[in-house]
Amino acid sequence: MMYKFRSRADSDLFMNQGPAERILGIIGKQPGPQGIIEPADMARAIAALQAAVEEDERARGGGDGDATQAGTPAAGQAITLRQRAWPFLQLLKRSQEADTPVVWGV
């Protein structure tokens, strides 16, 4: 299943099922075919996702080198949570600023 996250504040964000459900779980949302993140919940969601990214980086040993920091994994490197979460974090931040929800499956 592919997730399509929509907000009036930004362009649509498409994510594969695995990464999308991991991110939804981190922010306390039930993965499923439909859902919504209200503007009132976005600050908490952003904080939870940023904390998870920091924890993931600590578990990996503090970073994956210059290629990962630039947003492009080097050959043979796994894609990090920071790289997976970055577009979602941007969508949440822009939606929070515009006071508009993020929805999927509608």
C-alpha atoms as a PDB file:
ATOM      1  CA  MET A   1       0.000   0.000   0.000  1.00  0.00           C
ATOM      2  CA  MET A   2       1.168   3.514  -0.761  1.00  0.00           C
ATOM      3  CA  TYR A   3       0.324   6.399   1.553  1.00  0.00           C
ATOM      4  CA  LYS A   4      -0.556   9.782   0.077  1.00  0.00           C
ATOM      5  CA  PHE A   5      -0.393  12.556   2.671  1.00  0.00           C
ATOM      6  CA  ARG A   6      -2.224  15.745   1.703  1.00  0.00           C
ATOM      7  CA  SER A   7      -2.292  19.252   3.095  1.00  0.00           C
ATOM      8  CA  ARG A   8      -3.399  22.579   1.708  1.00  0.00           C
ATOM      9  CA  ALA A   9      -0.096  23.999   2.970  1.00  0.00           C
ATOM     10  CA  ASP A  10       2.205  21.893   0.776  1.00  0.00           C
ATOM     11  CA  SER A  11       2.331  19.457  -2.118  1.00  0.00           C
ATOM     12  CA  ASP A  12       1.249  15.840  -1.675  1.00  0.00           C
ATOM     13  CA  LEU A  13       3.725  13.470  -0.054  1.00  0.00           C
ATOM     14  CA  PHE A  14       3.829   9.843  -1.179  1.00  0.00           C
ATOM     15  CA  MET A  15       5.440   7.200   1.030  1.00  0.00           C
ATOM     16  CA  ASN A  16       5.732   3.439   0.875  1.00  0.00           C
ATOM     17  CA  GLN A  17       3.780   1.521   3.479  1.00  0.00           C
ATOM     18  CA  GLY A  18       6.687   0.496   5.738  1.00  0.00           C
ATOM     19  CA  PRO A  19       8.264   3.908   6.271  1.00  0.00           C
ATOM     20  CA  ALA A  20       4.877   5.645   6.472  1.00  0.00           C
ATOM     21  CA  GLU A  21       3.575   3.274   9.127  1.00  0.00           C
ATOM     22  CA  ARG A  22       6.794   3.583  11.126  1.00  0.00           C
ATOM     23  CA  ILE A  23       6.478   7.378  11.130  1.00  0.00           C
ATOM     24  CA  LEU A  24       2.773   7.249  11.988  1.00  0.00           C
ATOM     25  CA  GLY A  25       3.549   4.925  14.902  1.00  0.00           C
ATOM     26  CA  ILE A  26       6.244   7.283  16.185  1.00  0.00           C
ATOM     27  CA  ILE A  27       3.829  10.227  16.239  1.00  0.00           C
ATOM     28  CA  GLY A  28       1.103   8.172  17.903  1.00  0.00           C
ATOM     29  CA  LYS A  29      -1.221   7.744  14.943  1.00  0.00           C
ATOM     30  CA  GLN A  30      -2.826   4.454  14.019  1.00  0.00           C
ATOM     31  CA  PRO A  31      -1.631   3.327  10.587  1.00  0.00           C
ATOM     32  CA  GLY A  32      -4.505   2.620   8.265  1.00  0.00           C
ATOM     33  CA  PRO A  33      -6.204   3.523   5.023  1.00  0.00           C
ATOM     34  CA  GLN A  34      -7.475   6.896   6.342  1.00  0.00           C
ATOM     35  CA  GLY A  35      -6.410   9.364   8.957  1.00  0.00           C
ATOM     36  CA  ILE A  36      -5.847  12.935   9.991  1.00  0.00           C
ATOM     37  CA  ILE A  37      -3.314  14.938  11.955  1.00  0.00           C
ATOM     38  CA  GLU A  38      -4.933  18.055  13.348  1.00  0.00           C
ATOM     39  CA  PRO A  39      -2.938  21.289  13.687  1.00  0.00           C
ATOM     40  CA  ALA A  40      -3.308  21.111  17.481  1.00  0.00           C
ATOM     41  CA  ASP A  41      -1.453  17.765  17.469  1.00  0.00           C
ATOM     42  CA  MET A  42       1.377  18.811  15.163  1.00  0.00           C
ATOM     43  CA  ALA A  43       3.779  20.282  17.730  1.00  0.00           C
ATOM     44  CA  ARG A  44       3.704  17.015  19.678  1.00  0.00           C
ATOM     45  CA  ALA A  45       4.078  14.978  16.481  1.00  0.00           C
ATOM     46  CA  ILE A  46       7.051  17.071  15.337  1.00  0.00           C
ATOM     47  CA  ALA A  47       8.746  16.735  18.734  1.00  0.00           C
ATOM     48  CA  ALA A  48       8.170  12.964  18.848  1.00  0.00           C
ATOM     49  CA  LEU A  49       9.549  12.469  15.352  1.00  0.00           C
ATOM     50  CA  GLN A  50      12.597  14.658  16.000  1.00  0.00           C
ATOM     51  CA  ALA A  51      13.295  12.743  19.232  1.00  0.00           C
ATOM     52  CA  ALA A  52      13.038   9.426  17.378  1.00  0.00           C
ATOM     53  CA  VAL A  53      15.453  10.674  14.711  1.00  0.00           C
ATOM     54  CA  GLU A  54      17.958  11.713  17.393  1.00  0.00           C
ATOM     55  CA  GLU A  55      17.610   8.354  19.151  1.00  0.00           C
ATOM     56  CA  ASP A  56      18.090   6.514  15.845  1.00  0.00           C
ATOM     57  CA  GLU A  57      21.274   8.494  15.184  1.00  0.00           C
ATOM     58  CA  ARG A  58      22.609   7.740  18.679  1.00  0.00           C
ATOM     59  CA  ALA A  59      21.888   4.043  18.104  1.00  0.00           C
ATOM     60  CA  ARG A  60      23.752   4.180  14.789  1.00  0.00           C
ATOM     61  CA  GLY A  61      26.775   5.734  16.415  1.00  0.00           C
ATOM     62  CA  GLY A  62      26.187   9.425  15.850  1.00  0.00           C
ATOM     63  CA  GLY A  63      25.763   9.666  12.108  1.00  0.00           C
ATOM     64  CA  ASP A  64      26.524   8.059   8.802  1.00  0.00           C
ATOM     65  CA  GLY A  65      29.026  10.445   7.252  1.00  0.00           C
ATOM     66  CA  ASP A  66      28.881  13.301   4.797  1.00  0.00           C
ATOM     67  CA  ALA A  67      26.683  11.565   2.217  1.00  0.00           C
ATOM     68  CA  THR A  68      23.895  10.986   4.732  1.00  0.00           C
ATOM     69  CA  GLN A  69      24.074  14.529   6.055  1.00  0.00           C
ATOM     70  CA  ALA A  70      23.687  15.811   2.512  1.00  0.00           C
ATOM     71  CA  GLY A  71      20.517  13.734   2.167  1.00  0.00           C
ATOM     72  CA  THR A  72      21.917  11.132  -0.231  1.00  0.00           C
ATOM     73  CA  PRO A  73      22.993   7.753   1.118  1.00  0.00           C
ATOM     74  CA  ALA A  74      26.339   6.452  -0.073  1.00  0.00           C
ATOM     75  CA  ALA A  75      26.345   3.194  -2.009  1.00  0.00           C
ATOM     76  CA  GLY A  76      25.440   0.301   0.272  1.00  0.00           C
ATOM     77  CA  GLN A  77      24.156   2.439   3.138  1.00  0.00           C
ATOM     78  CA  ALA A  78      20.682   2.019   4.510  1.00  0.00           C
ATOM     79  CA  ILE A  79      18.353   4.996   4.358  1.00  0.00           C
ATOM     80  CA  THR A  80      18.142   6.503   7.834  1.00  0.00           C
ATOM     81  CA  LEU A  81      15.100   7.591   9.775  1.00  0.00           C
ATOM     82  CA  ARG A  82      16.289  11.196   9.380  1.00  0.00           C
ATOM     83  CA  GLN A  83      16.115  10.838   5.596  1.00  0.00           C
ATOM     84  CA  ARG A  84      12.720   9.125   5.699  1.00  0.00           C
ATOM     85  CA  ALA A  85      11.259  11.608   8.177  1.00  0.00           C
ATOM     86  CA  TRP A  86      12.581  14.867   6.686  1.00  0.00           C
ATOM     87  CA  PRO A  87       9.840  15.363   4.039  1.00  0.00           C
ATOM     88  CA  PHE A  88       7.160  14.417   6.571  1.00  0.00           C
ATOM     89  CA  LEU A  89       8.571  16.866   9.113  1.00  0.00           C
ATOM     90  CA  GLN A  90       8.537  19.630   6.490  1.00  0.00           C
ATOM     91  CA  LEU A  91       4.907  18.822   5.655  1.00  0.00           C
ATOM     92  CA  LEU A  92       3.967  18.940   9.351  1.00  0.00           C
ATOM     93  CA  LYS A  93       5.788  22.231   9.946  1.00  0.00           C
ATOM     94  CA  ARG A  94       4.232  23.937   6.936  1.00  0.00           C
ATOM     95  CA  SER A  95       0.789  22.612   7.833  1.00  0.00           C
ATOM     96  CA  GLN A  96       1.179  23.793  11.416  1.00  0.00           C
ATOM     97  CA  GLU A  97       2.141  27.282  10.220  1.00  0.00           C
ATOM     98  CA  ALA A  98      -0.896  27.345   7.917  1.00  0.00           C
ATOM     99  CA  ASP A  99      -3.164  25.871  10.625  1.00  0.00           C
ATOM    100  CA  THR A 100      -4.380  23.160   8.268  1.00  0.00           C
ATOM    101  CA  PRO A 101      -4.594  19.387   8.847  1.00  0.00           C
ATOM    102  CA  VAL A 102      -2.620  16.637   7.162  1.00  0.00           C
ATOM    103  CA  VAL A 103      -4.858  13.843   5.878  1.00  0.00           C
ATOM    104  CA  TRP A 104      -4.390  10.557   4.091  1.00  0.00           C
ATOM    105  CA  GLY A 105      -6.773   8.202   2.321  1.00  0.00           C
ATOM    106  CA  VAL A 106      -9.466  10.781   1.650  1.00  0.00           C
END
